[in-house]
Amino acid sequence: MRVTTAVVAGLLLALTSTGHAAGESVLFVGNSFTFGSGSAVRFYRSHTVTDLNNEGVGGVPALFKSFTEQAGFDYEVALETRGGVGIDFHLDNKLGVIGRRGWDKVVAHGYSTLDQEKPRDPGKLVETAKQLGDVLRAKNPKVDYYLMATWSRADQTYPARGAWAGQPIEQMGKDVRAGYDKAAAAAGAKVIPVGDAWNRAMATGVADPNPYDGIEAGKLNLWTYDSYHASTAGYYLEALVIFGSITGRDPRSLGDNECSGYELGLSTSEVHKLQQVAFDQLKEMGTVTANPLMLPKPTSPDRCMAR
């Protein structure tokens, strides 16, 4: 009896998905670092997720949704975002949206400098992250709550006016991570180390650390044109780290020919490098274990299946 590759893939999908609750909900609460400002990610596959603000955003949540579908998970993904705000905005203005139901998993983050009015001060983040956690647990006491520690901003580091001016590029990411560690401890949440992964990408030569002096050949620019928000590659790395953090799955299991990377214009080499960075960061934290070949992969990049 001849068994096709498609049948084998389907069987393996069923096997690897066993034990994952069908239709678990994942809500993203954030700002432009979630909706993908400045990149092709912003409106990517918006039909696959629910934008609770009805703005047609796909963003990082849609990338996460694509990764999880390819890995055999069945998540219902939604987002509630507003540019240039911290968690306090969502508490003050969006509780009616966020609290309309209980969520199984929630990923949230605050303003990129920890506090827009007082850069480097984590106090507001700590307070509001705890308040949001209380709101979420009132609806679902078993919610898995994640706080996403964001990245170093080149525009806050290299120009003299920046809050981290004159410091190494990795320092802002480290300070932001320290703030998120405090917030997570207060809120009973887990930290998703996106900023740490960015630092790793720069330290290992995958990404160029300074967009102001030109991008070295063979290296990625994780920032977009404003040296503040992420590029497509930067958001792709963000989504990979979130994927591994929530599912526990090795990001490399998606394969070099992962379809969303292809649709967004990343080369197989770039996809491979970013998956490796995400894996290395999550492995260091004990979040994932090595398992790079979960499912049969296409021999060349192709479009994502229509869904």
Protein backbone atom coordinates (compact mmCIF):
# COMPACT_ATOMS: atom_id res chain seq x y z
CA MET A 1 0.00 0.00 0.00
CA ARG A 2 1.42 3.36 -1.03
CA VAL A 3 1.20 6.05 1.66
CA THR A 4 1.57 9.62 0.41
CA THR A 5 3.68 12.27 2.10
CA ALA A 6 0.53 14.27 2.74
CA VAL A 7 -1.05 11.37 4.62
CA VAL A 8 2.10 10.83 6.69
CA ALA A 9 2.25 14.53 7.49
CA GLY A 10 -1.39 14.47 8.54
CA LEU A 11 -0.87 11.49 10.81
CA LEU A 12 2.18 13.09 12.41
CA LEU A 13 0.25 16.30 12.91
CA ALA A 14 -2.43 14.38 14.75
CA LEU A 15 0.12 12.60 16.90
CA THR A 16 2.14 15.67 17.78
CA SER A 17 -1.01 17.63 18.55
CA THR A 18 -2.30 15.07 21.04
CA GLY A 19 -2.72 16.61 24.46
CA HIS A 20 -3.02 20.18 23.15
CA ALA A 21 -6.43 21.59 23.99
CA ALA A 22 -8.33 22.35 20.80
CA GLY A 23 -9.33 25.96 20.40
CA GLU A 24 -7.39 27.39 23.34
CA SER A 25 -7.55 31.18 23.20
CA VAL A 26 -4.50 33.43 23.06
CA LEU A 27 -4.88 37.20 23.50
CA PHE A 28 -2.14 39.71 22.68
CA VAL A 29 -2.32 43.07 24.48
CA GLY A 30 0.22 45.62 23.33
CA ASN A 31 1.20 48.44 21.05
CA SER A 32 3.08 48.88 17.77
CA PHE A 33 5.63 46.28 18.86
CA THR A 34 2.78 43.76 18.65
CA PHE A 35 0.93 45.02 15.60
CA GLY A 36 4.12 45.29 13.55
CA SER A 37 4.48 48.99 12.76
CA GLY A 38 6.88 49.82 9.94
CA SER A 39 6.85 46.41 8.32
CA ALA A 40 4.96 44.06 6.03
CA VAL A 41 3.89 42.16 9.15
CA ARG A 42 1.30 44.75 10.20
CA PHE A 43 -1.57 43.55 8.01
CA TYR A 44 -0.19 40.09 7.32
CA ARG A 45 -2.82 37.30 7.26
CA SER A 46 -5.22 39.45 9.26
CA HIS A 47 -8.07 37.10 8.35
CA THR A 48 -6.55 34.39 10.57
CA VAL A 49 -6.81 36.36 13.82
CA THR A 50 -9.42 38.51 15.56
CA ASP A 51 -8.56 42.19 15.95
CA LEU A 52 -10.73 43.27 18.87
CA ASN A 53 -10.35 46.91 17.79
CA ASN A 54 -11.52 46.14 14.24
CA GLU A 55 -8.47 47.74 12.60
CA GLY A 56 -7.62 44.86 10.30
CA VAL A 57 -4.31 44.09 11.98
CA GLY A 58 -2.55 40.75 11.61
CA GLY A 59 0.86 41.59 13.03
CA VAL A 60 2.91 39.36 15.26
CA PRO A 61 -0.25 37.52 16.44
CA ALA A 62 -0.88 36.38 12.84
CA LEU A 63 2.72 35.19 12.53
CA PHE A 64 2.31 33.28 15.79
CA LYS A 65 -0.95 31.81 14.48
CA SER A 66 0.78 30.66 11.29
CA PHE A 67 3.62 29.02 13.20
CA THR A 68 1.24 27.20 15.52
CA GLU A 69 -0.92 25.92 12.67
CA GLN A 70 2.16 24.57 10.91
CA ALA A 71 3.15 22.85 14.16
CA GLY A 72 -0.26 21.24 14.61
CA PHE A 73 -1.70 23.46 17.33
CA ASP A 74 -5.22 24.86 17.26
CA TYR A 75 -5.25 28.27 18.91
CA GLU A 76 -7.90 30.95 18.64
CA VAL A 77 -5.78 34.12 18.43
CA ALA A 78 -6.95 37.66 19.16
CA LEU A 79 -5.27 41.01 19.67
CA GLU A 80 -6.04 44.33 21.32
CA THR A 81 -3.44 46.97 20.42
CA ARG A 82 -2.87 50.71 20.35
CA GLY A 83 0.30 52.44 19.19
CA GLY A 84 2.51 54.33 21.63
CA VAL A 85 0.92 53.17 24.88
CA GLY A 86 1.68 51.06 27.92
CA ILE A 87 -0.47 48.61 29.84
CA ASP A 88 -2.05 51.52 31.71
CA PHE A 89 -3.87 52.61 28.53
CA HIS A 90 -5.51 49.22 28.13
CA LEU A 91 -6.57 49.23 31.78
CA ASP A 92 -8.06 52.71 31.49
CA ASN A 93 -9.73 52.32 28.10
CA LYS A 94 -10.03 48.70 26.98
CA LEU A 95 -11.19 46.61 29.93
CA GLY A 96 -14.59 46.27 28.32
CA VAL A 97 -12.92 44.63 25.34
CA ILE A 98 -10.31 42.57 27.18
CA GLY A 99 -12.70 41.48 29.91
CA ARG A 100 -15.59 40.45 27.73
CA ARG A 101 -14.50 36.82 28.17
CA GLY A 102 -11.94 34.65 29.90
CA TRP A 103 -8.70 33.89 28.04
CA ASP A 104 -6.54 30.79 28.26
CA LYS A 105 -3.27 32.58 27.49
CA VAL A 106 -2.41 36.27 27.39
CA VAL A 107 0.75 37.98 26.11
CA ALA A 108 1.16 41.62 27.15
CA HIS A 109 3.84 44.28 27.17
CA GLY A 110 4.24 47.91 28.13
CA TYR A 111 5.88 50.96 26.59
CA SER A 112 9.31 50.35 25.05
CA THR A 113 11.30 52.56 27.47
CA LEU A 114 9.45 51.06 30.48
CA ASP A 115 7.71 54.39 31.12
CA GLN A 116 7.09 56.99 28.40
CA GLU A 117 7.33 59.93 30.82
CA LYS A 118 10.11 58.44 32.97
CA PRO A 119 12.30 56.25 30.75
CA ARG A 120 14.14 53.43 32.55
CA ASP A 121 11.71 53.44 35.49
CA PRO A 122 9.83 50.11 35.75
CA GLY A 123 7.44 51.26 38.47
CA LYS A 124 4.41 51.82 36.25
CA LEU A 125 5.02 48.55 34.40
CA VAL A 126 5.19 46.59 37.66
CA GLU A 127 1.98 48.17 38.96
CA THR A 128 -0.06 47.87 35.77
CA ALA A 129 1.12 44.37 34.89
CA LYS A 130 -0.16 43.19 38.26
CA GLN A 131 -3.46 45.00 37.77
CA LEU A 132 -3.94 43.41 34.35
CA GLY A 133 -3.15 40.01 35.83
CA ASP A 134 -5.83 40.53 38.46
CA VAL A 135 -8.37 41.40 35.75
CA LEU A 136 -7.47 38.35 33.69
CA ARG A 137 -7.64 35.97 36.65
CA ALA A 138 -11.03 37.32 37.67
CA LYS A 139 -12.29 35.91 34.37
CA ASN A 140 -10.12 32.78 34.33
CA PRO A 141 -8.12 31.89 37.45
CA LYS A 142 -6.05 29.42 35.40
CA VAL A 143 -4.96 31.87 32.69
CA ASP A 144 -1.35 31.55 31.52
CA TYR A 145 -0.05 35.11 31.72
CA TYR A 146 3.08 36.19 29.82
CA LEU A 147 4.92 39.51 29.75
CA MET A 148 7.02 40.15 26.66
CA ALA A 149 10.31 41.92 27.40
CA THR A 150 11.04 44.12 24.39
CA TRP A 151 14.23 45.13 22.59
CA SER A 152 16.91 47.79 22.63
CA ARG A 153 16.00 50.79 20.52
CA ALA A 154 18.85 52.05 18.37
CA ASP A 155 17.26 55.52 18.35
CA GLN A 156 17.49 55.61 22.15
CA THR A 157 21.12 54.48 22.19
CA TYR A 158 23.16 56.07 19.41
CA PRO A 159 21.74 59.64 19.16
CA ALA A 160 22.82 61.95 21.99
CA ARG A 161 19.20 62.64 23.00
CA GLY A 162 18.43 58.99 23.76
CA ALA A 163 17.65 57.72 27.25
CA TRP A 164 20.42 55.12 26.83
CA ALA A 165 22.81 57.40 24.93
CA GLY A 166 26.44 56.35 25.00
CA GLN A 167 25.77 52.88 26.40
CA PRO A 168 26.30 49.58 24.57
CA ILE A 169 23.35 48.65 22.39
CA GLU A 170 22.55 45.60 24.50
CA GLN A 171 22.15 47.64 27.71
CA MET A 172 18.65 48.92 27.03
CA GLY A 173 17.46 45.37 26.39
CA LYS A 174 19.05 44.23 29.64
CA ASP A 175 17.46 47.06 31.62
CA VAL A 176 14.07 46.41 30.04
CA ARG A 177 14.38 42.71 30.87
CA ALA A 178 15.19 43.56 34.50
CA GLY A 179 12.03 45.67 34.65
CA TYR A 180 9.96 42.84 33.21
CA ASP A 181 11.43 40.40 35.70
CA LYS A 182 10.17 42.64 38.50
CA ALA A 183 6.78 42.99 36.85
CA ALA A 184 6.47 39.24 36.30
CA ALA A 185 7.33 38.54 39.94
CA ALA A 186 4.62 40.96 41.08
CA ALA A 187 2.04 39.73 38.58
CA GLY A 188 2.64 35.98 38.71
CA ALA A 189 3.58 35.99 35.04
CA LYS A 190 6.25 34.43 32.84
CA VAL A 191 8.71 36.53 30.82
CA ILE A 192 9.06 36.07 27.06
CA PRO A 193 12.67 37.10 26.30
CA VAL A 194 12.35 38.89 22.96
CA GLY A 195 14.88 41.60 23.82
CA ASP A 196 17.37 38.98 24.96
CA ALA A 197 16.98 37.20 21.62
CA TRP A 198 17.67 40.47 19.80
CA ASN A 199 20.83 40.93 21.88
CA ARG A 200 21.86 37.37 21.05
CA ALA A 201 21.31 37.95 17.33
CA MET A 202 23.60 40.97 17.43
CA ALA A 203 26.23 39.31 19.64
CA THR A 204 26.45 36.26 17.37
CA GLY A 205 26.71 38.24 14.13
CA VAL A 206 23.27 37.39 12.80
CA ALA A 207 22.17 41.03 13.06
CA ASP A 208 23.99 44.34 12.73
CA PRO A 209 24.08 46.26 16.05
CA ASN A 210 24.22 49.78 14.59
CA PRO A 211 21.91 50.84 11.75
CA TYR A 212 23.35 54.36 11.80
CA ASP A 213 26.69 53.35 10.27
CA GLY A 214 25.30 51.06 7.58
CA ILE A 215 24.35 47.39 7.63
CA GLU A 216 27.24 44.98 7.24
CA ALA A 217 26.92 42.55 4.35
CA GLY A 218 25.39 39.25 5.38
CA LYS A 219 23.81 40.65 8.53
CA LEU A 220 20.17 41.50 9.20
CA ASN A 221 18.82 44.84 10.35
CA LEU A 222 16.32 43.99 13.07
CA TRP A 223 15.02 47.58 13.08
CA THR A 224 12.92 49.25 10.42
CA TYR A 225 13.56 52.69 8.90
CA ASP A 226 13.08 54.59 12.18
CA SER A 227 15.62 52.49 14.15
CA TYR A 228 12.88 52.14 16.78
CA HIS A 229 10.32 49.63 15.57
CA ALA A 230 11.25 46.24 14.19
CA SER A 231 11.83 45.26 10.61
CA THR A 232 10.14 42.20 9.16
CA ALA A 233 13.12 40.16 10.38
CA GLY A 234 12.82 41.68 13.86
CA TYR A 235 9.13 40.88 14.16
CA TYR A 236 9.77 37.41 12.77
CA LEU A 237 12.28 36.79 15.57
CA GLU A 238 9.78 38.17 18.08
CA ALA A 239 7.10 35.76 16.86
CA LEU A 240 9.50 32.80 16.99
CA VAL A 241 10.37 33.53 20.62
CA ILE A 242 6.69 33.84 21.52
CA PHE A 243 5.93 30.60 19.66
CA GLY A 244 8.58 28.69 21.60
CA SER A 245 7.64 30.28 24.92
CA ILE A 246 3.95 29.38 24.67
CA THR A 247 4.13 25.98 22.97
CA GLY A 248 7.43 24.70 24.35
CA ARG A 249 8.27 23.69 20.79
CA ASP A 250 11.75 24.11 19.28
CA PRO A 251 11.39 27.01 16.77
CA ARG A 252 13.71 25.13 14.40
CA SER A 253 10.98 22.50 14.02
CA LEU A 254 9.27 24.90 11.62
CA GLY A 255 12.10 24.35 9.16
CA ASP A 256 14.13 26.62 6.89
CA ASN A 257 11.28 26.60 4.36
CA GLU A 258 8.73 27.91 6.87
CA CYS A 259 5.98 29.44 4.76
CA SER A 260 5.43 32.79 6.51
CA GLY A 261 9.09 33.67 6.24
CA TYR A 262 8.84 32.94 2.53
CA GLU A 263 5.69 35.02 2.11
CA LEU A 264 7.32 37.95 3.90
CA GLY A 265 10.45 37.87 1.76
CA LEU A 266 12.98 36.29 4.10
CA SER A 267 15.53 33.93 2.59
CA THR A 268 15.84 30.36 3.85
CA SER A 269 19.23 31.30 5.29
CA GLU A 270 17.70 34.21 7.22
CA VAL A 271 14.85 32.02 8.47
CA HIS A 272 17.36 29.39 9.60
CA LYS A 273 19.49 31.92 11.48
CA LEU A 274 16.54 33.54 13.22
CA GLN A 275 15.10 30.18 14.26
CA GLN A 276 18.49 29.20 15.67
CA VAL A 277 18.74 32.44 17.68
CA ALA A 278 15.25 31.93 19.10
CA PHE A 279 16.04 28.32 20.00
CA ASP A 280 19.34 29.19 21.66
CA GLN A 281 17.70 31.89 23.77
CA LEU A 282 14.82 29.68 24.87
CA LYS A 283 17.08 26.69 25.51
CA GLU A 284 19.24 28.82 27.81
CA MET A 285 16.11 29.63 29.82
CA GLY A 286 15.01 25.99 29.92
CA THR A 287 11.83 26.77 27.96
CA VAL A 288 12.43 24.35 25.09
CA THR A 289 14.49 21.25 24.38
CA ALA A 290 16.16 20.41 21.09
CA ASN A 291 13.74 18.83 18.64
CA PRO A 292 14.33 20.43 15.26
CA LEU A 293 12.59 17.90 12.99
CA MET A 294 9.03 17.46 14.19
CA LEU A 295 7.22 17.13 10.85
CA PRO A 296 8.02 16.48 7.19
CA LYS A 297 9.07 19.76 5.58
CA PRO A 298 8.80 20.94 1.96
CA THR A 299 11.97 20.67 -0.09
CA SER A 300 11.62 24.31 -1.16
CA PRO A 301 9.74 27.33 0.20
CA ASP A 302 6.08 27.63 -0.71
CA ARG A 303 3.08 29.73 0.24
CA CYS A 304 1.20 28.98 3.43
CA MET A 305 -1.88 26.81 2.99
CA ALA A 306 -5.05 28.81 2.47
CA ARG A 307 -6.98 29.08 5.72
